[in-house]
Amino acid sequence: MRTICTAIALFALTTIAVAQPALGTGPQARAMLERAIVALKANRTTAIAHFNDTKGGFRDRDLYVACFDARSGLVSAHVDPKQLGVDVRTLKQPDGKLFGKALFNAAKVGSVTTVDYEYPRPGDAAHIAKQSYVTQVGNDACLV
């Protein structure tokens, strides 16, 4: 009986571990943003295309690069294609707080700032607490 109970418990733990995707860490997000900065400085057009491409090298677990025009706020890169062309300043949490305005205001050339807000993970509809690293490169504001 003990062997059966141990096997059931092991199966349950394995199922839970497999069902929950691994999440990216703060240092991993910061490192991805640093890679994005290098890519933007090298060739903006190619970088934005890679950020929007599922196989472009800028997606890892729940981490991804999103960018918007630092002047107009229009989204140019995002994991969700429906967000392209949206004014980031209009993005709201379920409680009505304009977190997009905080992202817009945080973007500064030569510095990286963190912004806390609620937003769904890629492929999920539920809003969760998130923290993004935000910077500005030329006229592009980007975050991970």
N, C-alpha and C. Protein backbone atom coordinates (compact mmCIF):
# COMPACT_ATOMS: atom_id res chain seq x y z
N MET A 1 0.82 -1.19 0.00
CA MET A 1 0.00 0.00 0.00
C MET A 1 0.87 1.26 0.00
N ARG A 2 1.98 1.22 0.77
CA ARG A 2 2.86 2.38 0.84
C ARG A 2 3.44 2.68 -0.54
N THR A 3 3.77 1.66 -1.30
CA THR A 3 4.32 1.84 -2.64
C THR A 3 3.31 2.50 -3.56
N ILE A 4 2.07 2.09 -3.46
CA ILE A 4 1.01 2.68 -4.29
C ILE A 4 0.81 4.14 -3.91
N CYS A 5 0.77 4.45 -2.61
CA CYS A 5 0.60 5.85 -2.17
C CYS A 5 1.77 6.71 -2.62
N THR A 6 2.98 6.18 -2.52
CA THR A 6 4.16 6.92 -2.95
C THR A 6 4.10 7.18 -4.45
N ALA A 7 3.70 6.19 -5.21
CA ALA A 7 3.59 6.34 -6.66
C ALA A 7 2.54 7.38 -7.03
N ILE A 8 1.42 7.36 -6.34
CA ILE A 8 0.36 8.35 -6.61
C ILE A 8 0.84 9.76 -6.27
N ALA A 9 1.50 9.90 -5.13
CA ALA A 9 2.01 11.22 -4.73
C ALA A 9 3.05 11.72 -5.72
N LEU A 10 3.95 10.85 -6.17
CA LEU A 10 4.97 11.22 -7.14
C LEU A 10 4.33 11.62 -8.46
N PHE A 11 3.33 10.89 -8.90
CA PHE A 11 2.62 11.23 -10.14
C PHE A 11 1.94 12.59 -10.02
N ALA A 12 1.32 12.85 -8.88
CA ALA A 12 0.62 14.13 -8.68
C ALA A 12 1.61 15.29 -8.70
N LEU A 13 2.75 15.14 -8.03
CA LEU A 13 3.76 16.20 -8.03
C LEU A 13 4.34 16.42 -9.42
N THR A 14 4.57 15.35 -10.15
CA THR A 14 5.09 15.46 -11.51
C THR A 14 4.08 16.15 -12.41
N THR A 15 2.82 15.82 -12.28
CA THR A 15 1.77 16.45 -13.08
C THR A 15 1.68 17.94 -12.79
N ILE A 16 1.76 18.31 -11.52
CA ILE A 16 1.71 19.73 -11.15
C ILE A 16 2.92 20.45 -11.72
N ALA A 17 4.11 19.85 -11.61
CA ALA A 17 5.33 20.49 -12.12
C ALA A 17 5.27 20.68 -13.63
N VAL A 18 4.72 19.70 -14.34
CA VAL A 18 4.62 19.80 -15.79
C VAL A 18 3.54 20.81 -16.20
N ALA A 19 2.46 20.90 -15.46
CA ALA A 19 1.34 21.76 -15.82
C ALA A 19 1.67 23.24 -15.63
N GLN A 20 2.57 23.56 -14.73
CA GLN A 20 2.90 24.96 -14.47
C GLN A 20 4.16 25.33 -15.23
N PRO A 21 4.06 26.27 -16.18
CA PRO A 21 5.24 26.63 -16.95
C PRO A 21 6.25 27.38 -16.09
N ALA A 22 7.52 27.18 -16.41
CA ALA A 22 8.57 27.91 -15.70
C ALA A 22 8.46 29.39 -16.05
N LEU A 23 8.71 30.23 -15.08
CA LEU A 23 8.62 31.67 -15.27
C LEU A 23 10.02 32.27 -15.35
N GLY A 24 10.14 33.33 -16.12
CA GLY A 24 11.40 34.03 -16.21
C GLY A 24 11.64 34.83 -14.93
N THR A 25 12.90 35.08 -14.62
CA THR A 25 13.27 35.84 -13.43
C THR A 25 13.59 37.28 -13.80
N GLY A 26 13.70 38.13 -12.80
CA GLY A 26 14.07 39.51 -13.02
C GLY A 26 15.41 39.65 -13.74
N PRO A 27 16.46 38.96 -13.28
CA PRO A 27 17.74 39.05 -13.99
C PRO A 27 17.66 38.56 -15.44
N GLN A 28 16.85 37.54 -15.70
CA GLN A 28 16.68 37.06 -17.08
C GLN A 28 15.95 38.10 -17.93
N ALA A 29 14.97 38.77 -17.36
CA ALA A 29 14.26 39.83 -18.08
C ALA A 29 15.21 40.98 -18.38
N ARG A 30 16.00 41.36 -17.41
CA ARG A 30 16.96 42.46 -17.60
C ARG A 30 17.97 42.09 -18.69
N ALA A 31 18.44 40.85 -18.69
CA ALA A 31 19.39 40.40 -19.70
C ALA A 31 18.76 40.44 -21.09
N MET A 32 17.48 40.03 -21.19
CA MET A 32 16.81 40.08 -22.49
C MET A 32 16.67 41.53 -22.96
N LEU A 33 16.37 42.44 -22.04
CA LEU A 33 16.27 43.85 -22.42
C LEU A 33 17.62 44.37 -22.91
N GLU A 34 18.69 43.98 -22.27
CA GLU A 34 20.03 44.40 -22.71
C GLU A 34 20.31 43.89 -24.13
N ARG A 35 19.92 42.65 -24.41
CA ARG A 35 20.08 42.11 -25.78
C ARG A 35 19.23 42.88 -26.77
N ALA A 36 18.03 43.28 -26.34
CA ALA A 36 17.14 44.05 -27.21
C ALA A 36 17.75 45.42 -27.52
N ILE A 37 18.37 46.04 -26.53
CA ILE A 37 19.01 47.34 -26.73
C ILE A 37 20.11 47.23 -27.78
N VAL A 38 20.93 46.21 -27.66
CA VAL A 38 22.01 45.98 -28.63
C VAL A 38 21.43 45.78 -30.03
N ALA A 39 20.37 44.97 -30.12
CA ALA A 39 19.74 44.71 -31.42
C ALA A 39 19.16 45.98 -32.03
N LEU A 40 18.49 46.80 -31.22
CA LEU A 40 17.92 48.06 -31.72
C LEU A 40 18.99 49.00 -32.23
N LYS A 41 20.09 49.10 -31.50
CA LYS A 41 21.18 49.98 -31.91
C LYS A 41 21.86 49.50 -33.19
N ALA A 42 21.89 48.17 -33.38
CA ALA A 42 22.52 47.61 -34.58
C ALA A 42 21.66 47.81 -35.82
N ASN A 43 20.36 47.54 -35.71
CA ASN A 43 19.46 47.68 -36.86
C ASN A 43 18.02 47.65 -36.33
N ARG A 44 17.41 48.82 -36.22
CA ARG A 44 16.08 48.94 -35.64
C ARG A 44 15.05 48.08 -36.37
N THR A 45 15.02 48.13 -37.69
CA THR A 45 14.01 47.40 -38.46
C THR A 45 14.10 45.90 -38.22
N THR A 46 15.31 45.38 -38.26
CA THR A 46 15.52 43.95 -38.03
C THR A 46 15.15 43.58 -36.59
N ALA A 47 15.53 44.44 -35.65
CA ALA A 47 15.23 44.15 -34.24
C ALA A 47 13.72 44.07 -34.00
N ILE A 48 12.98 45.04 -34.49
CA ILE A 48 11.52 45.04 -34.30
C ILE A 48 10.91 43.78 -34.94
N ALA A 49 11.39 43.41 -36.11
CA ALA A 49 10.90 42.18 -36.77
C ALA A 49 11.18 40.96 -35.90
N HIS A 50 12.37 40.89 -35.30
CA HIS A 50 12.70 39.76 -34.43
C HIS A 50 11.86 39.76 -33.16
N PHE A 51 11.59 40.93 -32.60
CA PHE A 51 10.77 41.00 -31.38
C PHE A 51 9.35 40.47 -31.66
N ASN A 52 8.84 40.71 -32.87
CA ASN A 52 7.49 40.28 -33.22
C ASN A 52 7.41 38.84 -33.72
N ASP A 53 8.55 38.25 -34.03
CA ASP A 53 8.61 36.89 -34.58
C ASP A 53 8.67 35.86 -33.45
N THR A 54 7.80 34.87 -33.47
CA THR A 54 7.81 33.84 -32.43
C THR A 54 9.13 33.09 -32.37
N LYS A 55 9.88 33.07 -33.47
CA LYS A 55 11.17 32.39 -33.50
C LYS A 55 12.31 33.40 -33.66
N GLY A 56 12.08 34.64 -33.26
CA GLY A 56 13.07 35.70 -33.43
C GLY A 56 14.14 35.77 -32.35
N GLY A 57 14.05 34.90 -31.34
CA GLY A 57 15.08 34.87 -30.31
C GLY A 57 14.83 35.79 -29.12
N PHE A 58 13.66 36.42 -29.07
CA PHE A 58 13.36 37.34 -27.97
C PHE A 58 12.11 36.92 -27.21
N ARG A 59 11.92 35.63 -27.08
CA ARG A 59 10.84 35.07 -26.26
C ARG A 59 11.40 33.89 -25.49
N ASP A 60 11.17 33.90 -24.20
CA ASP A 60 11.66 32.84 -23.34
C ASP A 60 10.68 32.68 -22.18
N ARG A 61 9.99 31.54 -22.15
CA ARG A 61 8.94 31.28 -21.16
C ARG A 61 7.91 32.40 -21.20
N ASP A 62 7.74 33.16 -20.11
CA ASP A 62 6.77 34.25 -20.11
C ASP A 62 7.43 35.61 -20.39
N LEU A 63 8.70 35.60 -20.77
CA LEU A 63 9.43 36.83 -21.08
C LEU A 63 9.36 37.13 -22.57
N TYR A 64 9.21 38.40 -22.90
CA TYR A 64 9.20 38.85 -24.29
C TYR A 64 9.50 40.34 -24.33
N VAL A 65 9.92 40.81 -25.50
CA VAL A 65 10.17 42.24 -25.69
C VAL A 65 8.93 42.87 -26.30
N ALA A 66 8.55 44.01 -25.75
CA ALA A 66 7.48 44.84 -26.32
C ALA A 66 8.05 46.23 -26.49
N CYS A 67 7.69 46.90 -27.58
CA CYS A 67 8.19 48.25 -27.84
C CYS A 67 7.05 49.15 -28.29
N PHE A 68 7.23 50.44 -28.04
CA PHE A 68 6.29 51.44 -28.53
C PHE A 68 7.07 52.70 -28.88
N ASP A 69 6.46 53.53 -29.71
CA ASP A 69 7.07 54.79 -30.10
C ASP A 69 7.08 55.71 -28.88
N ALA A 70 8.26 56.21 -28.52
CA ALA A 70 8.39 57.04 -27.32
C ALA A 70 7.72 58.40 -27.46
N ARG A 71 7.33 58.77 -28.67
CA ARG A 71 6.64 60.05 -28.88
C ARG A 71 5.13 59.87 -28.93
N SER A 72 4.67 58.89 -29.71
CA SER A 72 3.22 58.71 -29.91
C SER A 72 2.61 57.66 -29.01
N GLY A 73 3.43 56.75 -28.46
CA GLY A 73 2.93 55.67 -27.63
C GLY A 73 2.43 54.46 -28.40
N LEU A 74 2.49 54.49 -29.75
CA LEU A 74 1.96 53.38 -30.54
C LEU A 74 2.87 52.16 -30.46
N VAL A 75 2.27 51.02 -30.15
CA VAL A 75 3.00 49.76 -29.98
C VAL A 75 3.50 49.27 -31.34
N SER A 76 4.80 48.95 -31.39
CA SER A 76 5.41 48.45 -32.63
C SER A 76 5.86 47.00 -32.51
N ALA A 77 6.00 46.50 -31.28
CA ALA A 77 6.40 45.11 -31.07
C ALA A 77 5.68 44.59 -29.83
N HIS A 78 5.12 43.38 -29.96
CA HIS A 78 4.42 42.77 -28.83
C HIS A 78 4.19 41.30 -29.12
N VAL A 79 4.13 40.50 -28.08
CA VAL A 79 3.86 39.07 -28.20
C VAL A 79 2.45 38.82 -28.75
N ASP A 80 1.52 39.75 -28.48
CA ASP A 80 0.14 39.65 -28.95
C ASP A 80 -0.03 40.61 -30.14
N PRO A 81 -0.14 40.08 -31.36
CA PRO A 81 -0.27 40.95 -32.54
C PRO A 81 -1.43 41.94 -32.46
N LYS A 82 -2.46 41.64 -31.66
CA LYS A 82 -3.59 42.57 -31.53
C LYS A 82 -3.19 43.86 -30.83
N GLN A 83 -2.06 43.86 -30.15
CA GLN A 83 -1.59 45.06 -29.46
C GLN A 83 -0.84 46.02 -30.39
N LEU A 84 -0.42 45.54 -31.56
CA LEU A 84 0.33 46.39 -32.49
C LEU A 84 -0.54 47.56 -32.93
N GLY A 85 0.02 48.77 -32.85
CA GLY A 85 -0.71 49.97 -33.24
C GLY A 85 -1.55 50.58 -32.14
N VAL A 86 -1.67 49.91 -30.99
CA VAL A 86 -2.43 50.43 -29.85
C VAL A 86 -1.57 51.48 -29.14
N ASP A 87 -2.18 52.54 -28.65
CA ASP A 87 -1.46 53.54 -27.85
C ASP A 87 -1.25 52.95 -26.46
N VAL A 88 0.00 52.71 -26.10
CA VAL A 88 0.33 52.08 -24.82
C VAL A 88 -0.26 52.85 -23.64
N ARG A 89 -0.40 54.16 -23.78
CA ARG A 89 -0.90 54.99 -22.68
C ARG A 89 -2.35 54.68 -22.32
N THR A 90 -3.07 53.95 -23.19
CA THR A 90 -4.48 53.62 -22.93
C THR A 90 -4.66 52.29 -22.22
N LEU A 91 -3.59 51.52 -22.01
CA LEU A 91 -3.71 50.20 -21.39
C LEU A 91 -4.05 50.32 -19.91
N LYS A 92 -5.09 49.56 -19.50
CA LYS A 92 -5.59 49.63 -18.13
C LYS A 92 -5.57 48.27 -17.47
N GLN A 93 -5.43 48.29 -16.14
CA GLN A 93 -5.61 47.10 -15.32
C GLN A 93 -7.11 46.90 -15.11
N PRO A 94 -7.52 45.75 -14.59
CA PRO A 94 -8.94 45.53 -14.33
C PRO A 94 -9.56 46.57 -13.39
N ASP A 95 -8.75 47.16 -12.50
CA ASP A 95 -9.27 48.17 -11.57
C ASP A 95 -9.33 49.57 -12.20
N GLY A 96 -8.98 49.67 -13.50
CA GLY A 96 -9.06 50.95 -14.21
C GLY A 96 -7.78 51.76 -14.20
N LYS A 97 -6.78 51.35 -13.43
CA LYS A 97 -5.51 52.08 -13.37
C LYS A 97 -4.82 52.03 -14.74
N LEU A 98 -4.39 53.18 -15.22
CA LEU A 98 -3.69 53.28 -16.50
C LEU A 98 -2.22 52.90 -16.34
N PHE A 99 -1.92 51.62 -16.39
CA PHE A 99 -0.53 51.20 -16.23
C PHE A 99 0.29 51.54 -17.48
N GLY A 100 -0.36 51.63 -18.64
CA GLY A 100 0.35 51.98 -19.87
C GLY A 100 0.97 53.36 -19.79
N LYS A 101 0.31 54.26 -19.11
CA LYS A 101 0.86 55.61 -18.94
C LYS A 101 2.12 55.55 -18.08
N ALA A 102 2.13 54.68 -17.08
CA ALA A 102 3.32 54.50 -16.24
C ALA A 102 4.48 53.96 -17.07
N LEU A 103 4.20 52.99 -17.97
CA LEU A 103 5.24 52.46 -18.86
C LEU A 103 5.77 53.57 -19.75
N PHE A 104 4.86 54.35 -20.34
CA PHE A 104 5.24 55.44 -21.24
C PHE A 104 6.14 56.45 -20.51
N ASN A 105 5.75 56.84 -19.31
CA ASN A 105 6.51 57.83 -18.55
C ASN A 105 7.83 57.30 -18.03
N ALA A 106 7.96 56.00 -17.85
CA ALA A 106 9.18 55.41 -17.30
C ALA A 106 10.31 55.32 -18.33
N ALA A 107 9.97 55.31 -19.61
CA ALA A 107 10.97 55.12 -20.66
C ALA A 107 11.87 56.35 -20.78
N LYS A 108 13.15 56.16 -20.48
CA LYS A 108 14.14 57.24 -20.56
C LYS A 108 15.41 56.69 -21.21
N VAL A 109 16.01 57.50 -22.08
CA VAL A 109 17.27 57.12 -22.73
C VAL A 109 18.36 56.98 -21.67
N GLY A 110 19.11 55.89 -21.75
CA GLY A 110 20.26 55.69 -20.87
C GLY A 110 19.95 55.16 -19.49
N SER A 111 18.70 54.83 -19.21
CA SER A 111 18.38 54.26 -17.91
C SER A 111 17.34 53.15 -18.07
N VAL A 112 17.32 52.26 -17.10
CA VAL A 112 16.33 51.18 -17.07
C VAL A 112 15.55 51.34 -15.77
N THR A 113 14.23 51.39 -15.90
CA THR A 113 13.34 51.57 -14.76
C THR A 113 12.41 50.38 -14.70
N THR A 114 11.95 50.03 -13.50
CA THR A 114 10.96 48.96 -13.37
C THR A 114 9.59 49.58 -13.14
N VAL A 115 8.58 48.92 -13.70
CA VAL A 115 7.19 49.33 -13.52
C VAL A 115 6.39 48.09 -13.12
N ASP A 116 5.63 48.20 -12.04
CA ASP A 116 4.78 47.12 -11.56
C ASP A 116 3.35 47.38 -12.01
N TYR A 117 2.66 46.33 -12.46
CA TYR A 117 1.29 46.46 -12.94
C TYR A 117 0.68 45.07 -13.06
N GLU A 118 -0.57 45.00 -13.47
CA GLU A 118 -1.25 43.73 -13.71
C GLU A 118 -1.53 43.58 -15.19
N TYR A 119 -1.22 42.40 -15.72
CA TYR A 119 -1.42 42.13 -17.15
C TYR A 119 -1.38 40.62 -17.35
N PRO A 120 -2.07 40.09 -18.35
CA PRO A 120 -2.04 38.63 -18.57
C PRO A 120 -0.68 38.15 -19.09
N ARG A 121 -0.35 36.92 -18.74
CA ARG A 121 0.80 36.25 -19.35
C ARG A 121 0.43 35.93 -20.79
N PRO A 122 1.43 35.73 -21.66
CA PRO A 122 1.11 35.32 -23.03
C PRO A 122 0.25 34.05 -23.03
N GLY A 123 -0.84 34.08 -23.78
CA GLY A 123 -1.72 32.93 -23.91
C GLY A 123 -2.70 32.75 -22.77
N ASP A 124 -2.77 33.71 -21.85
CA ASP A 124 -3.67 33.60 -20.71
C ASP A 124 -4.52 34.87 -20.64
N ALA A 125 -5.72 34.77 -20.10
CA ALA A 125 -6.59 35.93 -20.00
C ALA A 125 -6.58 36.57 -18.61
N ALA A 126 -6.14 35.81 -17.61
CA ALA A 126 -6.16 36.31 -16.23
C ALA A 126 -5.04 37.33 -16.01
N HIS A 127 -5.38 38.45 -15.41
CA HIS A 127 -4.38 39.45 -15.06
C HIS A 127 -3.61 38.99 -13.82
N ILE A 128 -2.29 39.13 -13.87
CA ILE A 128 -1.42 38.78 -12.75
C ILE A 128 -0.47 39.95 -12.49
N ALA A 129 0.13 39.96 -11.32
CA ALA A 129 1.12 40.98 -11.01
C ALA A 129 2.35 40.75 -11.87
N LYS A 130 2.82 41.82 -12.52
CA LYS A 130 4.00 41.75 -13.37
C LYS A 130 4.92 42.92 -13.04
N GLN A 131 6.16 42.77 -13.41
CA GLN A 131 7.12 43.85 -13.32
C GLN A 131 7.89 43.86 -14.63
N SER A 132 7.97 45.02 -15.26
CA SER A 132 8.72 45.16 -16.51
C SER A 132 9.90 46.09 -16.33
N TYR A 133 10.97 45.77 -17.05
CA TYR A 133 12.13 46.64 -17.14
C TYR A 133 11.92 47.47 -18.40
N VAL A 134 12.01 48.80 -18.27
CA VAL A 134 11.66 49.71 -19.35
C VAL A 134 12.83 50.65 -19.64
N THR A 135 13.10 50.88 -20.93
CA THR A 135 14.12 51.84 -21.34
C THR A 135 13.73 52.47 -22.66
N GLN A 136 14.51 53.43 -23.10
CA GLN A 136 14.29 54.06 -24.40
C GLN A 136 15.59 54.02 -25.19
N VAL A 137 15.47 53.63 -26.47
CA VAL A 137 16.59 53.61 -27.40
C VAL A 137 16.15 54.41 -28.62
N GLY A 138 16.73 55.57 -28.81
CA GLY A 138 16.28 56.45 -29.90
C GLY A 138 14.83 56.82 -29.67
N ASN A 139 14.00 56.61 -30.67
CA ASN A 139 12.57 56.92 -30.55
C ASN A 139 11.74 55.73 -30.09
N ASP A 140 12.40 54.62 -29.79
CA ASP A 140 11.69 53.41 -29.34
C ASP A 140 11.81 53.26 -27.84
N ALA A 141 10.71 53.00 -27.20
CA ALA A 141 10.68 52.62 -25.79
C ALA A 141 10.39 51.12 -25.78
N CYS A 142 11.21 50.38 -25.05
CA CYS A 142 11.04 48.92 -25.01
C CYS A 142 11.05 48.42 -23.59
N LEU A 143 10.41 47.28 -23.42
CA LEU A 143 10.32 46.67 -22.09
C LEU A 143 10.32 45.16 -22.22
N VAL A 144 10.72 44.52 -21.13
CA VAL A 144 10.64 43.06 -21.00
C VAL A 144 10.03 42.82 -19.63
